[in-house]
């Protein structure tokens, strides 16, 4: 499943995890993407949408 919001375009953020010994490893912060049914025009479409857009 794609981790990009089809409404606002929110994508994963990339960064580093920092352990107690200061060893850095790559990690990513994923947006909370849900697959919902939305009415677009006169048709119903399944879309990948972040929860922020669902609430708005």
PDB file of N, CA and C in Angstrom:
ATOM      1  N   UNK A   1       0.843  -1.181   0.000  1.00  0.00           N
ATOM      2  CA  UNK A   1       0.000   0.000   0.000  1.00  0.00           C
ATOM      3  C   UNK A   1       0.888   1.244   0.000  1.00  0.00           C
ATOM      4  N   UNK A   2       0.562   2.195  -0.844  1.00  0.00           N
ATOM      5  CA  UNK A   2       1.343   3.424  -0.931  1.00  0.00           C
ATOM      6  C   UNK A   2       1.181   4.234   0.349  1.00  0.00           C
ATOM      7  N   UNK A   3       2.281   4.814   0.808  1.00  0.00           N
ATOM      8  CA  UNK A   3       2.198   5.615   2.035  1.00  0.00           C
ATOM      9  C   UNK A   3       2.230   7.099   1.703  1.00  0.00           C
ATOM     10  N   UNK A   4       1.409   7.497   0.726  1.00  0.00           N
ATOM     11  CA  UNK A   4       1.269   8.900   0.335  1.00  0.00           C
ATOM     12  C   UNK A   4      -0.215   9.242   0.344  1.00  0.00           C
ATOM     13  N   UNK A   5      -0.570  10.357   0.977  1.00  0.00           N
ATOM     14  CA  UNK A   5      -1.963  10.803   1.019  1.00  0.00           C
ATOM     15  C   UNK A   5      -2.338  11.377  -0.341  1.00  0.00           C
ATOM     16  N   UNK A   6      -3.465  10.939  -0.890  1.00  0.00           N
ATOM     17  CA  UNK A   6      -3.902  11.404  -2.205  1.00  0.00           C
ATOM     18  C   UNK A   6      -4.510  12.799  -2.156  1.00  0.00           C
ATOM     19  N   UNK A   7      -4.802  13.311  -0.963  1.00  0.00           N
ATOM     20  CA  UNK A   7      -5.399  14.647  -0.853  1.00  0.00           C
ATOM     21  C   UNK A   7      -4.327  15.700  -0.582  1.00  0.00           C
ATOM     22  N   UNK A   8      -3.561  15.524   0.488  1.00  0.00           N
ATOM     23  CA  UNK A   8      -2.583  16.558   0.864  1.00  0.00           C
ATOM     24  C   UNK A   8      -1.163  16.232   0.417  1.00  0.00           C
ATOM     25  N   UNK A   9      -0.911  14.995  -0.028  1.00  0.00           N
ATOM     26  CA  UNK A   9       0.418  14.629  -0.503  1.00  0.00           C
ATOM     27  C   UNK A   9       1.420  14.322   0.599  1.00  0.00           C
ATOM     28  N   UNK A  10       0.930  14.070   1.812  1.00  0.00           N
ATOM     29  CA  UNK A  10       1.818  13.771   2.939  1.00  0.00           C
ATOM     30  C   UNK A  10       2.557  12.464   2.670  1.00  0.00           C
ATOM     31  N   UNK A  11       3.891  12.462   2.904  1.00  0.00           N
ATOM     32  CA  UNK A  11       4.747  11.304   2.644  1.00  0.00           C
ATOM     33  C   UNK A  11       5.543  10.961   3.900  1.00  0.00           C
ATOM     34  N   UNK A  12       6.269   9.830   3.872  1.00  0.00           N
ATOM     35  CA  UNK A  12       7.125   9.505   5.014  1.00  0.00           C
ATOM     36  C   UNK A  12       8.269  10.502   5.161  1.00  0.00           C
ATOM     37  N   UNK A  13       8.694  10.712   6.415  1.00  0.00           N
ATOM     38  CA  UNK A  13       9.868  11.533   6.721  1.00  0.00           C
ATOM     39  C   UNK A  13      11.000  10.577   7.052  1.00  0.00           C
ATOM     40  N   UNK A  14      12.217  10.932   6.681  1.00  0.00           N
ATOM     41  CA  UNK A  14      13.376  10.094   6.942  1.00  0.00           C
ATOM     42  C   UNK A  14      14.294  10.778   7.940  1.00  0.00           C
ATOM     43  N   UNK A  15      14.936   9.979   8.766  1.00  0.00           N
ATOM     44  CA  UNK A  15      15.849  10.527   9.753  1.00  0.00           C
ATOM     45  C   UNK A  15      16.697   9.424  10.356  1.00  0.00           C
ATOM     46  N   UNK A  16      17.188   9.666  11.551  1.00  0.00           N
ATOM     47  CA  UNK A  16      18.060   8.714  12.233  1.00  0.00           C
ATOM     48  C   UNK A  16      17.474   8.343  13.584  1.00  0.00           C
ATOM     49  N   UNK A  17      17.703   7.092  13.980  1.00  0.00           N
ATOM     50  CA  UNK A  17      17.422   6.640  15.335  1.00  0.00           C
ATOM     51  C   UNK A  17      18.730   6.740  16.098  1.00  0.00           C
ATOM     52  N   UNK A  18      18.695   7.260  17.300  1.00  0.00           N
ATOM     53  CA  UNK A  18      19.909   7.457  18.086  1.00  0.00           C
ATOM     54  C   UNK A  18      19.823   6.593  19.337  1.00  0.00           C
ATOM     55  N   UNK A  19      20.704   5.593  19.422  1.00  0.00           N
ATOM     56  CA  UNK A  19      20.687   4.698  20.576  1.00  0.00           C
ATOM     57  C   UNK A  19      21.452   5.319  21.744  1.00  0.00           C
ATOM     58  N   UNK A  20      21.456   4.629  22.860  1.00  0.00           N
ATOM     59  CA  UNK A  20      22.150   5.125  24.054  1.00  0.00           C
ATOM     60  C   UNK A  20      23.654   5.257  23.805  1.00  0.00           C
ATOM     61  N   UNK A  21      24.211   4.377  22.965  1.00  0.00           N
ATOM     62  CA  UNK A  21      25.646   4.435  22.654  1.00  0.00           C
ATOM     63  C   UNK A  21      25.938   5.395  21.498  1.00  0.00           C
ATOM     64  N   UNK A  22      24.940   6.171  21.103  1.00  0.00           N
ATOM     65  CA  UNK A  22      25.024   7.167  20.026  1.00  0.00           C
ATOM     66  C   UNK A  22      25.276   6.554  18.650  1.00  0.00           C
ATOM     67  N   UNK A  23      24.911   5.301  18.483  1.00  0.00           N
ATOM     68  CA  UNK A  23      24.984   4.677  17.166  1.00  0.00           C
ATOM     69  C   UNK A  23      23.741   5.104  16.396  1.00  0.00           C
ATOM     70  N   UNK A  24      23.934   5.612  15.194  1.00  0.00           N
ATOM     71  CA  UNK A  24      22.812   6.122  14.400  1.00  0.00           C
ATOM     72  C   UNK A  24      22.413   5.109  13.333  1.00  0.00           C
ATOM     73  N   UNK A  25      21.122   4.833  13.236  1.00  0.00           N
ATOM     74  CA  UNK A  25      20.597   3.971  12.184  1.00  0.00           C
ATOM     75  C   UNK A  25      19.454   4.699  11.496  1.00  0.00           C
ATOM     76  N   UNK A  26      19.271   4.410  10.214  1.00  0.00           N
ATOM     77  CA  UNK A  26      18.214   5.060   9.444  1.00  0.00           C
ATOM     78  C   UNK A  26      16.846   4.571   9.892  1.00  0.00           C
ATOM     79  N   UNK A  27      15.884   5.467   9.885  1.00  0.00           N
ATOM     80  CA  UNK A  27      14.497   5.095  10.163  1.00  0.00           C
ATOM     81  C   UNK A  27      13.584   6.046   9.418  1.00  0.00           C
ATOM     82  N   UNK A  28      12.306   5.732   9.388  1.00  0.00           N
ATOM     83  CA  UNK A  28      11.356   6.637   8.747  1.00  0.00           C
ATOM     84  C   UNK A  28      10.090   6.744   9.560  1.00  0.00           C
ATOM     85  N   UNK A  29       9.491   7.920   9.511  1.00  0.00           N
ATOM     86  CA  UNK A  29       8.238   8.209  10.189  1.00  0.00           C
ATOM     87  C   UNK A  29       7.148   8.184   9.134  1.00  0.00           C
ATOM     88  N   UNK A  30       6.250   7.200   9.229  1.00  0.00           N
ATOM     89  CA  UNK A  30       5.191   7.049   8.234  1.00  0.00           C
ATOM     90  C   UNK A  30       3.943   7.815   8.655  1.00  0.00           C
ATOM     91  N   UNK A  31       3.255   8.441   7.691  1.00  0.00           N
ATOM     92  CA  UNK A  31       1.965   9.048   8.011  1.00  0.00           C
ATOM     93  C   UNK A  31       0.928   7.949   8.232  1.00  0.00           C
ATOM     94  N   UNK A  32      -0.112   8.263   8.977  1.00  0.00           N
ATOM     95  CA  UNK A  32      -1.171   7.293   9.254  1.00  0.00           C
ATOM     96  C   UNK A  32      -2.138   7.290   8.068  1.00  0.00           C
ATOM     97  N   UNK A  33      -1.884   6.401   7.107  1.00  0.00           N
ATOM     98  CA  UNK A  33      -2.663   6.329   5.868  1.00  0.00           C
ATOM     99  C   UNK A  33      -3.732   5.247   6.003  1.00  0.00           C
ATOM    100  N   UNK A  34      -4.963   5.597   5.692  1.00  0.00           N
ATOM    101  CA  UNK A  34      -6.084   4.658   5.719  1.00  0.00           C
ATOM    102  C   UNK A  34      -6.725   4.624   4.338  1.00  0.00           C
ATOM    103  N   UNK A  35      -7.248   3.466   3.968  1.00  0.00           N
ATOM    104  CA  UNK A  35      -7.946   3.330   2.687  1.00  0.00           C
ATOM    105  C   UNK A  35      -9.432   3.557   2.949  1.00  0.00           C
ATOM    106  N   UNK A  36      -9.992   4.626   2.371  1.00  0.00           N
ATOM    107  CA  UNK A  36     -11.387   4.980   2.621  1.00  0.00           C
ATOM    108  C   UNK A  36     -12.125   5.126   1.301  1.00  0.00           C
ATOM    109  N   UNK A  37     -13.442   5.030   1.385  1.00  0.00           N
ATOM    110  CA  UNK A  37     -14.290   5.282   0.218  1.00  0.00           C
ATOM    111  C   UNK A  37     -14.735   6.727   0.261  1.00  0.00           C
ATOM    112  N   UNK A  38     -14.547   7.433  -0.843  1.00  0.00           N
ATOM    113  CA  UNK A  38     -14.936   8.840  -0.907  1.00  0.00           C
ATOM    114  C   UNK A  38     -15.740   9.074  -2.177  1.00  0.00           C
ATOM    115  N   UNK A  39     -16.712   9.968  -2.087  1.00  0.00           N
ATOM    116  CA  UNK A  39     -17.524  10.317  -3.252  1.00  0.00           C
ATOM    117  C   UNK A  39     -16.814  11.453  -3.978  1.00  0.00           C
ATOM    118  N   UNK A  40     -16.377  11.179  -5.196  1.00  0.00           N
ATOM    119  CA  UNK A  40     -15.700  12.170  -6.033  1.00  0.00           C
ATOM    120  C   UNK A  40     -16.586  12.394  -7.248  1.00  0.00           C
ATOM    121  N   UNK A  41     -17.168  13.588  -7.322  1.00  0.00           N
ATOM    122  CA  UNK A  41     -18.140  13.844  -8.390  1.00  0.00           C
ATOM    123  C   UNK A  41     -19.384  13.012  -8.140  1.00  0.00           C
ATOM    124  N   UNK A  42     -19.696  12.124  -9.077  1.00  0.00           N
ATOM    125  CA  UNK A  42     -20.860  11.242  -8.913  1.00  0.00           C
ATOM    126  C   UNK A  42     -20.456   9.799  -8.661  1.00  0.00           C
ATOM    127  N   UNK A  43     -19.160   9.527  -8.589  1.00  0.00           N
ATOM    128  CA  UNK A  43     -18.696   8.155  -8.405  1.00  0.00           C
ATOM    129  C   UNK A  43     -18.054   7.984  -7.031  1.00  0.00           C
ATOM    130  N   UNK A  44     -18.085   6.754  -6.541  1.00  0.00           N
ATOM    131  CA  UNK A  44     -17.431   6.410  -5.289  1.00  0.00           C
ATOM    132  C   UNK A  44     -16.062   5.838  -5.621  1.00  0.00           C
ATOM    133  N   UNK A  45     -15.037   6.350  -4.933  1.00  0.00           N
ATOM    134  CA  UNK A  45     -13.662   5.947  -5.208  1.00  0.00           C
ATOM    135  C   UNK A  45     -12.967   5.527  -3.927  1.00  0.00           C
ATOM    136  N   UNK A  46     -12.109   4.516  -4.006  1.00  0.00           N
ATOM    137  CA  UNK A  46     -11.286   4.137  -2.861  1.00  0.00           C
ATOM    138  C   UNK A  46     -10.000   4.943  -2.931  1.00  0.00           C
ATOM    139  N   UNK A  47      -9.659   5.611  -1.823  1.00  0.00           N
ATOM    140  CA  UNK A  47      -8.495   6.484  -1.806  1.00  0.00           C
ATOM    141  C   UNK A  47      -7.627   6.197  -0.590  1.00  0.00           C
ATOM    142  N   UNK A  48      -6.319   6.421  -0.739  1.00  0.00           N
ATOM    143  CA  UNK A  48      -5.392   6.370   0.393  1.00  0.00           C
ATOM    144  C   UNK A  48      -5.314   7.773   0.968  1.00  0.00           C
ATOM    145  N   UNK A  49      -5.826   7.942   2.202  1.00  0.00           N
ATOM    146  CA  UNK A  49      -5.957   9.268   2.800  1.00  0.00           C
ATOM    147  C   UNK A  49      -5.379   9.228   4.211  1.00  0.00           C
ATOM    148  N   UNK A  50      -4.676  10.300   4.612  1.00  0.00           N
ATOM    149  CA  UNK A  50      -4.155  10.371   5.980  1.00  0.00           C
ATOM    150  C   UNK A  50      -5.301  10.718   6.934  1.00  0.00           C
ATOM    151  N   UNK A  51      -5.123  10.384   8.197  1.00  0.00           N
ATOM    152  CA  UNK A  51      -6.195  10.590   9.169  1.00  0.00           C
ATOM    153  C   UNK A  51      -6.471  12.069   9.408  1.00  0.00           C
ATOM    154  N   UNK A  52      -5.494  12.923   9.185  1.00  0.00           N
ATOM    155  CA  UNK A  52      -5.725  14.362   9.302  1.00  0.00           C
ATOM    156  C   UNK A  52      -6.723  14.851   8.275  1.00  0.00           C
ATOM    157  N   UNK A  53      -6.652  14.311   7.056  1.00  0.00           N
ATOM    158  CA  UNK A  53      -7.595  14.692   6.001  1.00  0.00           C
ATOM    159  C   UNK A  53      -8.972  14.075   6.238  1.00  0.00           C
ATOM    160  N   UNK A  54      -9.021  12.892   6.857  1.00  0.00           N
ATOM    161  CA  UNK A  54     -10.316  12.278   7.166  1.00  0.00           C
ATOM    162  C   UNK A  54     -11.056  13.134   8.193  1.00  0.00           C
ATOM    163  N   UNK A  55     -10.329  13.656   9.189  1.00  0.00           N
ATOM    164  CA  UNK A  55     -10.949  14.478  10.231  1.00  0.00           C
ATOM    165  C   UNK A  55     -11.391  15.834   9.709  1.00  0.00           C
ATOM    166  N   UNK A  56     -10.669  16.370   8.713  1.00  0.00           N
ATOM    167  CA  UNK A  56     -10.957  17.725   8.207  1.00  0.00           C
ATOM    168  C   UNK A  56     -12.220  17.755   7.365  1.00  0.00           C
TER     169      UNK A  56
END
